[in-house]
N, C-alpha and C. Protein backbone atom coordinates (compact mmCIF):
# COMPACT_ATOMS: atom_id res chain seq x y z
N MET A 1 8.69 -116.60 168.55
CA MET A 1 10.25 -116.08 168.54
C MET A 1 10.26 -114.93 167.25
N HIS A 2 11.60 -114.66 167.35
CA HIS A 2 12.08 -113.62 166.34
C HIS A 2 12.03 -113.98 165.11
N PRO A 3 11.25 -113.21 164.35
CA PRO A 3 10.74 -113.41 162.93
C PRO A 3 12.07 -113.97 161.90
N THR A 4 13.37 -113.55 162.54
CA THR A 4 14.42 -113.99 161.59
C THR A 4 14.55 -115.67 162.06
N CYS A 5 14.19 -116.08 162.95
CA CYS A 5 14.46 -117.66 163.56
C CYS A 5 13.69 -118.42 162.73
N PHE A 6 12.04 -117.79 162.69
CA PHE A 6 10.91 -118.58 161.94
C PHE A 6 10.20 -118.10 161.15
N ASN A 7 9.72 -118.49 159.97
CA ASN A 7 8.85 -117.82 159.18
C ASN A 7 7.50 -118.97 158.91
N PRO A 8 6.69 -118.85 159.33
CA PRO A 8 5.45 -119.82 159.32
C PRO A 8 4.82 -119.60 157.80
N ARG A 9 5.39 -118.52 156.83
CA ARG A 9 4.81 -118.52 155.63
C ARG A 9 5.68 -118.38 154.70
N CYS A 10 6.84 -119.06 155.03
CA CYS A 10 7.92 -119.18 154.29
C CYS A 10 7.82 -120.36 153.01
N ASN A 11 8.20 -119.54 151.78
CA ASN A 11 7.66 -120.52 150.49
C ASN A 11 8.69 -120.24 149.71
N ARG A 12 9.86 -120.37 150.25
CA ARG A 12 11.40 -120.15 149.46
C ARG A 12 11.73 -121.18 148.85
N CYS A 13 11.23 -122.23 149.15
CA CYS A 13 11.81 -123.37 148.28
C CYS A 13 10.66 -124.01 147.50
N PRO A 14 10.40 -123.70 146.15
CA PRO A 14 9.01 -124.01 145.35
C PRO A 14 8.84 -125.39 145.19
N ARG A 15 9.65 -126.32 145.50
CA ARG A 15 9.24 -127.93 145.36
C ARG A 15 8.86 -128.30 146.91
N LEU A 16 9.12 -127.68 147.86
CA LEU A 16 8.69 -128.03 148.74
C LEU A 16 7.43 -127.36 149.32
N ALA A 17 7.20 -126.21 148.54
CA ALA A 17 5.93 -125.22 148.88
C ALA A 17 4.85 -126.25 148.31
N GLU A 18 5.23 -126.72 146.88
CA GLU A 18 4.24 -127.49 146.37
C GLU A 18 3.89 -128.37 146.76
N PHE A 19 4.65 -129.29 147.68
CA PHE A 19 4.50 -130.71 148.17
C PHE A 19 3.48 -130.25 149.25
N LEU A 20 3.84 -129.18 150.15
CA LEU A 20 2.94 -129.02 151.37
C LEU A 20 1.81 -128.60 150.79
N ARG A 21 1.23 -127.99 149.53
CA ARG A 21 0.21 -127.88 149.09
C ARG A 21 -0.80 -129.24 148.97
N LYS A 22 0.11 -129.91 148.25
CA LYS A 22 -0.36 -131.44 148.18
C LYS A 22 -1.00 -132.04 149.22
N VAL A 23 -0.14 -131.75 150.41
CA VAL A 23 -0.11 -132.77 151.32
C VAL A 23 -1.38 -132.00 152.43
N ARG A 24 -1.58 -130.75 152.58
CA ARG A 24 -2.66 -130.16 153.14
C ARG A 24 -4.13 -130.74 152.35
N LYS A 25 -3.85 -130.90 150.94
CA LYS A 25 -5.12 -131.40 150.28
C LYS A 25 -5.56 -132.69 150.49
N SER A 26 -4.48 -133.38 150.72
CA SER A 26 -4.72 -134.79 150.87
C SER A 26 -4.84 -135.22 152.60
N HIS A 27 -4.32 -134.37 153.34
CA HIS A 27 -4.50 -134.79 154.96
C HIS A 27 -4.79 -133.11 155.17
N PRO A 28 -6.06 -132.93 155.36
CA PRO A 28 -6.75 -131.49 155.75
C PRO A 28 -6.39 -131.38 157.37
N ALA A 29 -6.17 -132.46 158.00
CA ALA A 29 -6.07 -132.29 159.40
C ALA A 29 -4.47 -132.06 159.80
N TYR A 30 -3.73 -132.16 159.05
CA TYR A 30 -2.45 -131.94 159.03
C TYR A 30 -2.04 -130.74 159.24
N HIS A 31 -0.97 -130.37 159.97
CA HIS A 31 -0.16 -129.05 160.17
C HIS A 31 0.37 -128.58 158.82
N ALA A 32 1.03 -129.52 158.19
CA ALA A 32 1.43 -129.27 156.86
C ALA A 32 1.87 -127.85 156.37
N ARG A 33 2.45 -127.22 157.28
CA ARG A 33 3.42 -125.79 157.31
C ARG A 33 4.84 -125.83 157.89
N PRO A 34 5.49 -125.28 157.51
CA PRO A 34 7.07 -125.04 158.23
C PRO A 34 6.83 -125.28 159.71
N VAL A 35 7.55 -126.07 160.25
CA VAL A 35 7.34 -126.51 161.67
C VAL A 35 8.39 -125.63 162.31
N PRO A 36 7.73 -124.97 163.37
CA PRO A 36 8.94 -124.15 164.48
C PRO A 36 9.50 -124.89 165.47
N ALA A 37 10.71 -124.76 165.70
CA ALA A 37 11.43 -125.13 167.23
C ALA A 37 10.87 -125.27 168.22
N PHE A 38 10.99 -126.33 168.94
CA PHE A 38 9.92 -126.58 170.11
C PHE A 38 11.13 -126.73 171.57
N GLY A 39 10.68 -125.91 172.68
CA GLY A 39 11.49 -125.90 173.83
C GLY A 39 11.74 -124.71 174.56
N ASP A 40 12.60 -124.72 175.31
CA ASP A 40 12.75 -123.66 175.93
C ASP A 40 13.51 -122.41 175.30
N THR A 41 13.31 -121.37 175.30
CA THR A 41 14.14 -120.46 174.26
C THR A 41 15.29 -119.81 175.02
N ARG A 42 15.59 -120.38 176.01
CA ARG A 42 17.12 -119.73 176.81
C ARG A 42 17.91 -121.03 176.97
N ALA A 43 17.32 -122.12 176.43
CA ALA A 43 18.33 -123.79 176.80
C ALA A 43 19.47 -123.54 176.40
N ARG A 44 20.29 -124.32 176.90
CA ARG A 44 21.45 -124.64 176.89
C ARG A 44 22.16 -125.62 175.60
N LEU A 45 20.70 -126.49 175.84
CA LEU A 45 21.10 -127.64 174.66
C LEU A 45 19.91 -127.28 173.85
N LEU A 46 20.44 -127.62 172.42
CA LEU A 46 19.89 -127.30 171.01
C LEU A 46 20.06 -128.61 170.40
N ILE A 47 18.92 -129.37 169.99
CA ILE A 47 19.04 -130.60 169.12
C ILE A 47 18.67 -130.36 167.81
N VAL A 48 19.39 -130.44 167.02
CA VAL A 48 19.10 -129.94 165.28
C VAL A 48 18.91 -131.55 164.60
N GLY A 49 17.74 -131.76 164.11
CA GLY A 49 17.41 -132.73 162.93
C GLY A 49 17.52 -132.72 161.98
N LEU A 50 16.95 -133.43 160.98
CA LEU A 50 17.12 -133.18 159.36
C LEU A 50 15.68 -132.35 159.17
N ALA A 51 14.51 -132.63 159.32
CA ALA A 51 13.29 -132.04 158.54
C ALA A 51 12.06 -132.79 159.25
N PRO A 52 10.98 -132.45 159.39
CA PRO A 52 9.76 -132.76 159.80
C PRO A 52 9.32 -134.25 158.81
N GLY A 53 8.96 -135.23 159.87
CA GLY A 53 8.53 -136.45 159.35
C GLY A 53 7.09 -135.83 158.45
N LEU A 54 6.79 -136.71 157.68
CA LEU A 54 5.47 -136.47 156.95
C LEU A 54 4.19 -136.52 157.77
N HIS A 55 4.18 -137.85 158.67
CA HIS A 55 3.04 -138.13 159.36
C HIS A 55 3.81 -138.01 161.05
N GLY A 56 4.99 -137.33 161.11
CA GLY A 56 5.24 -136.90 162.42
C GLY A 56 5.02 -135.58 162.44
N ALA A 57 6.12 -134.91 162.50
CA ALA A 57 6.00 -133.25 163.14
C ALA A 57 5.35 -132.55 161.96
N ASN A 58 5.13 -133.01 160.49
CA ASN A 58 4.47 -132.24 159.79
C ASN A 58 2.97 -132.47 160.02
N ALA A 59 2.68 -133.70 160.50
CA ALA A 59 1.10 -133.57 161.04
C ALA A 59 0.87 -132.62 162.35
N SER A 60 1.89 -133.24 163.17
CA SER A 60 1.38 -132.50 164.73
C SER A 60 1.90 -131.02 164.76
N GLY A 61 2.70 -130.82 163.72
CA GLY A 61 3.27 -129.08 164.17
C GLY A 61 4.32 -128.84 165.01
N ARG A 62 5.08 -129.91 165.87
CA ARG A 62 6.08 -130.24 166.71
C ARG A 62 7.27 -131.01 166.41
N PRO A 63 8.32 -131.03 166.52
CA PRO A 63 9.40 -131.70 166.08
C PRO A 63 9.54 -132.99 166.66
N PHE A 64 9.63 -134.14 165.90
CA PHE A 64 9.84 -135.34 166.13
C PHE A 64 8.60 -135.80 167.17
N THR A 65 7.16 -135.15 167.01
CA THR A 65 6.12 -135.58 167.84
C THR A 65 5.12 -136.26 166.64
N GLY A 66 4.83 -137.47 167.39
CA GLY A 66 3.73 -138.32 166.56
C GLY A 66 4.35 -139.15 165.62
N ASP A 67 6.18 -139.51 165.29
CA ASP A 67 6.58 -140.35 164.53
C ASP A 67 7.52 -141.04 165.33
N TYR A 68 7.98 -142.36 164.50
CA TYR A 68 9.02 -143.14 165.22
C TYR A 68 10.27 -142.72 165.66
N ALA A 69 10.83 -141.49 164.96
CA ALA A 69 11.85 -141.33 165.28
C ALA A 69 12.18 -140.48 166.97
N GLY A 70 10.97 -139.99 167.07
CA GLY A 70 10.64 -139.22 168.10
C GLY A 70 10.33 -140.39 169.55
N ILE A 71 10.21 -141.58 169.49
CA ILE A 71 10.22 -142.63 170.49
C ILE A 71 11.65 -142.78 171.22
N LEU A 72 12.69 -142.64 170.77
CA LEU A 72 14.05 -142.80 171.27
C LEU A 72 14.51 -141.39 171.72
N LEU A 73 14.16 -140.33 170.97
CA LEU A 73 14.45 -139.02 171.34
C LEU A 73 14.26 -138.85 172.80
N TYR A 74 12.58 -138.48 172.96
CA TYR A 74 12.17 -138.03 173.90
C TYR A 74 12.48 -139.10 175.14
N ARG A 75 12.40 -140.27 175.05
CA ARG A 75 12.83 -141.30 176.09
C ARG A 75 14.00 -140.98 176.58
N THR A 76 15.02 -140.91 175.80
CA THR A 76 16.19 -140.47 176.00
C THR A 76 16.40 -139.11 177.13
N LEU A 77 15.86 -138.32 176.52
CA LEU A 77 15.61 -136.86 176.84
C LEU A 77 15.01 -136.71 178.32
N HIS A 78 13.66 -137.49 178.43
CA HIS A 78 13.24 -137.82 179.78
C HIS A 78 14.35 -138.35 180.72
N LYS A 79 14.86 -139.40 180.05
CA LYS A 79 15.94 -139.91 181.10
C LYS A 79 16.96 -139.00 181.58
N PHE A 80 17.38 -138.08 180.95
CA PHE A 80 18.67 -137.24 181.61
C PHE A 80 17.98 -136.03 181.99
N GLY A 81 16.76 -135.91 182.19
CA GLY A 81 16.40 -134.66 182.51
C GLY A 81 16.02 -133.32 181.70
N PHE A 82 16.11 -133.87 180.57
CA PHE A 82 15.66 -132.86 179.46
C PHE A 82 14.24 -132.68 179.17
N ALA A 83 13.17 -133.59 179.62
CA ALA A 83 12.00 -133.47 179.21
C ALA A 83 11.07 -134.13 180.24
N SER A 84 9.93 -133.49 180.08
CA SER A 84 8.87 -133.80 181.33
C SER A 84 8.15 -135.11 181.28
N ALA A 85 8.37 -135.69 180.50
CA ALA A 85 7.80 -137.15 180.00
C ALA A 85 8.32 -137.79 179.01
N PRO A 86 8.60 -138.91 179.20
CA PRO A 86 9.06 -139.64 178.13
C PRO A 86 8.63 -139.98 176.77
N GLU A 87 7.29 -139.39 176.40
CA GLU A 87 6.45 -139.78 175.09
C GLU A 87 6.23 -138.65 174.67
N SER A 88 6.23 -138.08 173.43
CA SER A 88 5.58 -136.89 172.65
C SER A 88 4.53 -137.45 171.56
N ILE A 89 3.36 -137.36 171.93
CA ILE A 89 2.44 -137.76 171.25
C ILE A 89 1.71 -136.83 170.16
N ALA A 90 1.32 -135.61 170.99
CA ALA A 90 0.70 -134.36 170.13
C ALA A 90 1.07 -133.15 170.89
N THR A 91 0.62 -132.09 170.41
CA THR A 91 1.02 -130.99 171.14
C THR A 91 0.09 -130.51 172.20
N SER A 92 -0.83 -130.98 172.49
CA SER A 92 -1.85 -131.11 173.47
C SER A 92 -1.44 -131.97 174.77
N ASP A 93 -0.16 -132.81 174.66
CA ASP A 93 0.14 -133.65 175.45
C ASP A 93 0.95 -132.94 176.80
N ARG A 94 1.10 -131.74 176.61
CA ARG A 94 1.71 -130.98 177.98
C ARG A 94 3.04 -131.29 178.18
N LEU A 95 4.02 -132.12 177.23
CA LEU A 95 5.09 -132.20 177.82
C LEU A 95 5.70 -131.03 177.38
N GLN A 96 6.96 -130.74 178.57
CA GLN A 96 7.80 -129.77 178.53
C GLN A 96 9.28 -130.03 178.15
N LEU A 97 10.13 -129.58 177.60
CA LEU A 97 11.53 -129.57 177.39
C LEU A 97 12.33 -128.52 178.25
N LEU A 98 13.21 -129.26 178.92
CA LEU A 98 13.85 -128.80 180.47
C LEU A 98 15.47 -128.27 179.68
N ASP A 99 15.41 -127.08 179.78
CA ASP A 99 17.18 -126.53 179.36
C ASP A 99 17.35 -127.46 177.90
N CYS A 100 16.26 -127.28 177.11
CA CYS A 100 16.57 -128.10 175.80
C CYS A 100 15.54 -127.26 174.86
N ARG A 101 15.99 -127.33 173.65
CA ARG A 101 15.00 -126.91 172.83
C ARG A 101 15.37 -127.77 171.12
N ILE A 102 14.31 -128.02 170.35
CA ILE A 102 14.51 -128.99 169.13
C ILE A 102 14.13 -128.46 168.37
N THR A 103 15.11 -128.14 166.97
CA THR A 103 14.70 -127.63 165.80
C THR A 103 15.00 -128.67 164.64
N ASN A 104 14.82 -127.92 163.32
CA ASN A 104 15.32 -128.94 162.12
C ASN A 104 16.28 -128.10 161.45
N ALA A 105 17.03 -128.92 160.69
CA ALA A 105 17.86 -128.08 159.83
C ALA A 105 17.11 -127.58 158.48
N VAL A 106 16.11 -127.97 158.13
CA VAL A 106 14.90 -127.94 157.01
C VAL A 106 13.71 -127.81 157.83
N LYS A 107 12.88 -126.60 157.52
CA LYS A 107 11.77 -126.45 158.51
C LYS A 107 10.45 -127.35 157.53
N CYS A 108 10.45 -127.48 156.48
CA CYS A 108 9.59 -128.18 155.68
C CYS A 108 9.56 -129.59 155.40
N VAL A 109 8.57 -130.46 155.32
CA VAL A 109 8.60 -131.73 154.98
C VAL A 109 9.17 -131.81 153.44
N PRO A 110 10.29 -132.67 153.16
CA PRO A 110 10.43 -132.86 151.90
C PRO A 110 9.93 -134.03 151.51
N PRO A 111 9.64 -134.67 149.90
CA PRO A 111 9.12 -135.70 149.44
C PRO A 111 10.25 -136.69 149.95
N GLN A 112 9.98 -137.71 150.28
CA GLN A 112 10.63 -138.91 150.58
C GLN A 112 11.66 -138.49 151.63
N ASN A 113 11.65 -137.26 152.40
CA ASN A 113 12.30 -137.24 153.31
C ASN A 113 13.68 -137.05 153.09
N LYS A 114 13.79 -136.27 151.72
CA LYS A 114 15.09 -135.84 151.05
C LYS A 114 15.15 -134.38 150.68
N PRO A 115 15.81 -133.46 151.47
CA PRO A 115 15.46 -132.17 151.09
C PRO A 115 16.78 -132.05 150.03
N SER A 116 16.67 -131.07 149.16
CA SER A 116 18.05 -130.98 148.10
C SER A 116 18.91 -130.06 148.79
N GLY A 117 20.35 -130.06 148.23
CA GLY A 117 21.29 -129.36 148.55
C GLY A 117 20.80 -127.59 148.52
N ASN A 118 20.01 -127.27 147.70
CA ASN A 118 19.35 -125.87 147.66
C ASN A 118 18.64 -125.70 148.83
N GLU A 119 17.48 -126.62 148.73
CA GLU A 119 16.54 -126.42 149.76
C GLU A 119 17.26 -126.36 151.47
N ILE A 120 18.37 -127.16 151.61
CA ILE A 120 19.08 -126.93 152.77
C ILE A 120 19.86 -125.87 153.01
N ALA A 121 20.46 -125.29 151.92
CA ALA A 121 21.01 -123.98 152.11
C ALA A 121 19.90 -122.67 152.20
N THR A 122 19.07 -122.75 151.57
CA THR A 122 18.16 -121.98 151.67
C THR A 122 17.40 -121.49 153.14
N CYS A 123 17.13 -122.80 153.75
CA CYS A 123 16.53 -122.95 155.05
C CYS A 123 17.70 -122.37 156.17
N ASN A 124 18.92 -122.51 155.88
CA ASN A 124 20.09 -122.49 156.60
C ASN A 124 19.90 -120.87 157.46
N ARG A 125 19.30 -119.65 156.84
CA ARG A 125 19.28 -118.73 157.58
C ARG A 125 18.45 -118.80 158.98
N TYR A 126 17.23 -119.60 158.89
CA TYR A 126 16.61 -119.76 160.14
C TYR A 126 17.52 -120.39 161.33
N LEU A 127 18.16 -121.34 160.74
CA LEU A 127 19.07 -122.19 161.78
C LEU A 127 20.37 -121.24 162.54
N ARG A 128 20.57 -120.51 161.32
CA ARG A 128 21.82 -119.32 161.78
C ARG A 128 21.00 -118.28 162.82
N ALA A 129 19.98 -118.17 162.77
CA ALA A 129 19.24 -116.91 163.77
C ALA A 129 19.32 -117.95 165.19
N GLU A 130 18.72 -119.17 164.99
CA GLU A 130 18.57 -119.79 166.49
C GLU A 130 19.72 -120.01 167.17
N LEU A 131 20.92 -120.26 166.29
CA LEU A 131 22.13 -120.66 166.81
C LEU A 131 22.67 -119.30 167.57
N ALA A 132 22.44 -117.90 166.96
CA ALA A 132 23.19 -116.53 167.27
C ALA A 132 22.11 -116.32 168.49
N LYS A 133 21.07 -116.79 169.05
CA LYS A 133 20.74 -116.63 170.33
C LYS A 133 20.93 -117.78 171.06
N LEU A 134 22.01 -118.67 171.24
CA LEU A 134 22.14 -119.66 172.31
C LEU A 134 23.11 -118.82 173.18
N PRO A 135 22.70 -119.30 174.26
CA PRO A 135 23.59 -118.77 175.63
C PRO A 135 25.13 -119.28 175.47
N THR A 136 26.13 -118.63 176.31
CA THR A 136 27.45 -119.01 176.28
C THR A 136 27.44 -120.36 177.18
N ASN A 137 28.52 -121.22 176.31
CA ASN A 137 28.83 -122.45 176.87
C ASN A 137 27.39 -123.41 176.40
N ALA A 138 26.76 -123.01 175.42
CA ALA A 138 25.79 -123.95 174.79
C ALA A 138 26.18 -125.31 174.25
N VAL A 139 25.30 -126.31 174.17
CA VAL A 139 25.80 -127.63 173.40
C VAL A 139 24.63 -127.49 172.38
N ILE A 140 25.46 -127.95 171.16
CA ILE A 140 24.47 -128.59 170.01
C ILE A 140 24.76 -129.67 169.59
N LEU A 141 23.60 -130.62 169.82
CA LEU A 141 23.52 -131.91 169.08
C LEU A 141 22.83 -132.28 167.90
N ALA A 142 23.61 -132.28 167.01
CA ALA A 142 23.49 -132.87 165.39
C ALA A 142 22.99 -134.09 165.38
N LEU A 143 21.93 -134.37 164.87
CA LEU A 143 21.56 -135.82 164.63
C LEU A 143 21.58 -136.15 163.06
N GLY A 144 22.39 -136.56 163.02
CA GLY A 144 23.02 -137.04 161.67
C GLY A 144 23.72 -136.12 160.84
N ARG A 145 24.44 -136.27 159.38
CA ARG A 145 25.48 -135.66 158.85
C ARG A 145 25.01 -134.34 158.15
N ILE A 146 23.68 -134.37 158.06
CA ILE A 146 23.12 -133.20 157.41
C ILE A 146 22.98 -131.74 158.28
N ALA A 147 22.57 -132.06 159.34
CA ALA A 147 22.22 -131.42 160.85
C ALA A 147 23.51 -131.16 161.19
N HIS A 148 24.63 -132.09 161.06
CA HIS A 148 25.97 -131.69 161.59
C HIS A 148 26.82 -130.62 160.41
N GLU A 149 26.15 -130.82 159.39
CA GLU A 149 27.02 -129.73 158.34
C GLU A 149 26.30 -128.45 158.08
N SER A 150 24.77 -128.63 158.57
CA SER A 150 23.75 -127.53 158.43
C SER A 150 24.15 -126.47 159.77
N VAL A 151 24.78 -127.02 160.69
CA VAL A 151 25.31 -126.29 161.94
C VAL A 151 26.56 -125.43 161.48
N LEU A 152 27.37 -126.20 160.84
CA LEU A 152 28.71 -125.44 160.69
C LEU A 152 28.45 -124.38 159.25
N ARG A 153 27.62 -124.74 158.47
CA ARG A 153 27.46 -123.69 157.53
C ARG A 153 26.62 -122.66 158.34
N ALA A 154 26.04 -122.65 159.59
CA ALA A 154 25.50 -121.44 159.76
C ALA A 154 26.17 -120.85 160.68
N LEU A 155 27.39 -121.54 161.28
CA LEU A 155 28.49 -120.59 162.01
C LEU A 155 29.76 -120.38 160.99
N GLU A 156 29.22 -120.66 159.60
CA GLU A 156 30.52 -120.15 158.68
C GLU A 156 31.80 -120.98 159.23
N LEU A 157 31.76 -122.33 159.45
CA LEU A 157 32.88 -123.12 159.78
C LEU A 157 33.20 -123.83 158.78
N LYS A 158 34.28 -124.29 158.51
CA LYS A 158 34.80 -125.62 157.47
C LYS A 158 34.15 -126.95 157.65
N PRO A 159 33.66 -127.75 157.40
CA PRO A 159 33.33 -128.89 157.35
C PRO A 159 34.48 -129.80 157.64
N SER A 160 35.38 -129.65 156.81
CA SER A 160 36.56 -130.43 156.78
C SER A 160 37.62 -130.44 158.10
N ARG A 161 37.29 -129.36 158.89
CA ARG A 161 38.09 -129.18 160.15
C ARG A 161 37.05 -129.91 161.19
N PHE A 162 35.80 -130.41 160.91
CA PHE A 162 35.05 -131.08 161.91
C PHE A 162 34.17 -132.17 161.30
N ALA A 163 35.03 -133.35 161.24
CA ALA A 163 34.37 -134.43 160.66
C ALA A 163 33.09 -135.25 161.38
N PHE A 164 32.09 -135.54 160.50
CA PHE A 164 31.09 -136.07 161.41
C PHE A 164 31.14 -137.39 161.70
N HIS A 165 30.90 -138.15 162.93
CA HIS A 165 31.05 -139.38 162.97
C HIS A 165 30.05 -139.32 164.71
N HIS A 166 29.71 -140.68 164.68
CA HIS A 166 28.97 -140.96 165.98
C HIS A 166 29.76 -140.63 167.26
N GLY A 167 29.23 -139.83 168.03
CA GLY A 167 29.91 -139.96 169.13
C GLY A 167 30.73 -138.71 169.44
N ALA A 168 31.19 -137.96 168.34
CA ALA A 168 32.10 -136.85 168.00
C ALA A 168 31.81 -135.66 169.48
N VAL A 169 33.11 -135.27 169.40
CA VAL A 169 32.78 -133.84 170.60
C VAL A 169 33.48 -132.94 169.57
N HIS A 170 32.90 -131.96 169.32
CA HIS A 170 33.75 -130.74 168.56
C HIS A 170 33.70 -129.56 169.49
N ARG A 171 34.83 -128.74 169.52
CA ARG A 171 34.61 -127.51 170.42
C ARG A 171 34.69 -126.86 169.46
N LEU A 172 33.48 -125.94 169.05
CA LEU A 172 33.45 -125.04 167.96
C LEU A 172 34.21 -123.67 168.22
N ASP A 173 33.90 -123.08 169.18
CA ASP A 173 34.84 -121.81 170.04
C ASP A 173 34.65 -122.05 171.49
N MET A 174 34.94 -120.65 172.00
CA MET A 174 34.80 -120.89 173.43
C MET A 174 33.45 -120.66 174.07
N HIS A 175 32.68 -120.61 173.23
CA HIS A 175 31.33 -120.64 173.62
C HIS A 175 30.19 -121.56 173.16
N SER A 176 30.55 -122.70 172.19
CA SER A 176 29.77 -123.67 172.01
C SER A 176 30.76 -125.14 171.76
N THR A 177 29.53 -126.30 171.95
CA THR A 177 30.13 -127.40 171.61
C THR A 177 29.35 -128.16 170.83
N LEU A 178 29.75 -128.97 169.83
CA LEU A 178 28.67 -129.69 169.04
C LEU A 178 29.11 -131.08 169.17
N LEU A 179 28.06 -131.83 169.38
CA LEU A 179 27.99 -133.42 169.63
C LEU A 179 27.53 -134.14 168.42
N ASP A 180 27.95 -135.24 167.85
CA ASP A 180 27.22 -135.88 166.80
C ASP A 180 26.62 -137.08 167.40
N SER A 181 25.89 -137.23 166.53
CA SER A 181 24.91 -138.64 166.83
C SER A 181 24.08 -139.35 165.30
N TYR A 182 24.14 -140.25 165.19
CA TYR A 182 23.52 -140.79 164.05
C TYR A 182 22.06 -140.23 164.49
N HIS A 183 21.02 -140.25 163.61
CA HIS A 183 19.74 -139.86 163.38
C HIS A 183 18.94 -140.98 164.14
N CYS A 184 17.92 -140.68 164.87
CA CYS A 184 17.26 -141.78 165.49
C CYS A 184 16.19 -142.15 165.04
N SER A 185 16.15 -142.24 163.28
CA SER A 185 15.23 -142.64 162.40
C SER A 185 14.78 -143.98 162.82
N ARG A 186 13.75 -144.39 162.22
CA ARG A 186 13.12 -145.80 162.29
C ARG A 186 14.17 -146.57 161.52
N TYR A 187 15.01 -146.40 160.38
CA TYR A 187 15.99 -147.08 159.72
C TYR A 187 17.08 -147.20 160.76
N ASN A 188 17.69 -146.49 161.17
CA ASN A 188 18.84 -146.40 162.10
C ASN A 188 18.94 -147.15 163.00
N THR A 189 17.64 -147.07 163.92
CA THR A 189 17.49 -147.98 165.16
C THR A 189 16.68 -149.52 164.81
N GLN A 190 16.22 -149.57 163.72
CA GLN A 190 15.79 -150.85 163.45
C GLN A 190 16.95 -151.94 162.74
N THR A 191 17.73 -151.24 162.28
CA THR A 191 18.92 -151.84 161.64
C THR A 191 20.29 -151.76 162.77
N ARG A 192 19.91 -151.73 163.95
CA ARG A 192 20.83 -151.29 165.25
C ARG A 192 22.34 -150.49 164.65
N ARG A 193 22.01 -149.71 163.80
CA ARG A 193 23.13 -148.88 163.32
C ARG A 193 23.25 -147.68 164.81
N LEU A 194 22.01 -147.47 165.22
CA LEU A 194 22.02 -146.42 166.23
C LEU A 194 21.02 -147.48 167.41
N THR A 195 21.80 -147.72 168.66
CA THR A 195 21.01 -148.66 169.60
C THR A 195 20.69 -147.62 170.63
N SER A 196 19.95 -147.87 171.41
CA SER A 196 19.47 -147.02 172.72
C SER A 196 20.69 -146.75 173.58
N ALA A 197 21.64 -147.81 173.28
CA ALA A 197 22.76 -147.22 174.67
C ALA A 197 24.06 -146.25 173.90
N MET A 198 23.77 -146.44 172.37
CA MET A 198 24.74 -145.54 172.01
C MET A 198 24.10 -144.30 172.03
N PHE A 199 22.91 -143.96 171.74
CA PHE A 199 22.41 -142.95 171.87
C PHE A 199 22.20 -142.11 173.20
N GLU A 200 21.98 -142.83 174.10
CA GLU A 200 22.22 -142.40 175.74
C GLU A 200 23.40 -142.04 175.99
N LYS A 201 24.65 -142.53 175.53
CA LYS A 201 25.83 -142.28 175.91
C LYS A 201 26.22 -140.62 175.25
N VAL A 202 25.57 -140.22 174.02
CA VAL A 202 25.78 -139.03 173.61
C VAL A 202 25.00 -137.97 174.31
N VAL A 203 23.86 -138.33 174.58
CA VAL A 203 22.99 -137.40 175.35
C VAL A 203 23.55 -137.41 176.95
N ALA A 204 23.65 -138.39 177.48
CA ALA A 204 24.37 -138.18 179.04
C ALA A 204 25.69 -137.33 178.85
N GLY A 205 26.49 -137.57 177.84
CA GLY A 205 27.59 -136.48 177.45
C GLY A 205 27.35 -135.03 177.60
N ALA A 206 25.94 -134.73 177.20
CA ALA A 206 25.56 -133.40 177.05
C ALA A 206 25.08 -133.05 178.50
N ARG A 207 24.53 -134.06 179.40
CA ARG A 207 23.87 -133.54 180.34
C ARG A 207 24.91 -133.48 181.37
N ARG A 208 26.26 -134.16 181.33
CA ARG A 208 27.52 -134.14 182.15
C ARG A 208 28.14 -132.60 181.90
N TYR A 209 28.31 -132.40 180.68
CA TYR A 209 28.82 -131.44 180.48
C TYR A 209 28.16 -129.84 180.99
N LEU A 210 26.88 -130.04 180.78
CA LEU A 210 25.96 -128.77 181.49
C LEU A 210 26.03 -128.89 182.84
N ASP A 211 25.98 -129.88 183.45
CA ASP A 211 26.37 -130.09 184.92
C ASP A 211 27.46 -129.44 185.40
N ASP A 212 28.47 -130.13 184.66
CA ASP A 212 29.80 -129.62 185.28
C ASP A 212 30.04 -128.09 185.32
N LEU A 213 29.38 -127.11 184.20
CA LEU A 213 29.38 -125.97 184.28
C LEU A 213 28.50 -125.33 184.98
N GLU A 214 27.49 -125.79 185.26
CA GLU A 214 26.67 -125.29 186.65
C GLU A 214 27.17 -125.44 187.74
N TYR A 215 28.08 -126.59 187.99
CA TYR A 215 28.46 -126.58 189.40
C TYR A 215 29.83 -126.15 189.44
N ALA A 216 30.66 -125.65 188.48
CA ALA A 216 32.02 -125.51 188.69
C ALA A 216 32.18 -124.12 189.37
């Protein structure tokens, strides 16, 4: 990737850098560094999550791989033709994303999975670079409010113009569309705040939109 999209040695956030140092010591087999985006560099669908999970992406080095949140995500992506397999276990599993890319608003795992406002803002430069490389008529799927607001910040758009709610469709400009979904976290799926049907409806919308463009 272009260096402005990702810096594997980034340590701009002291709290996150210190937390990663402790994780590397306690879990020497973990990736425990900034996690890069995963998928097709020319993808028309960009999925934006919150941050790597401690025992998921932070361990594997690939977004939503090896943790509970990835179960619903990859299963749904496979169902709608965005992934070559329904399960993402490790970086060695040969899974490929098809016309799809996954990244996070914050590239490093935060303590208790809660990045601070300053950390979200500091990391936004990388998301801004990723968004700048999207093709015309791209679809951005934000998983949760923080991802939603991070996308708007990166595009220098006012959040008050684009309120977050599950299933929302925001036409940002003539070149991109933002879709909102609750995050597919363990808490949201187990409490049924987000069901499989709800999430599939959002991803189906992305699939339908991109297919309509392709065959227009």
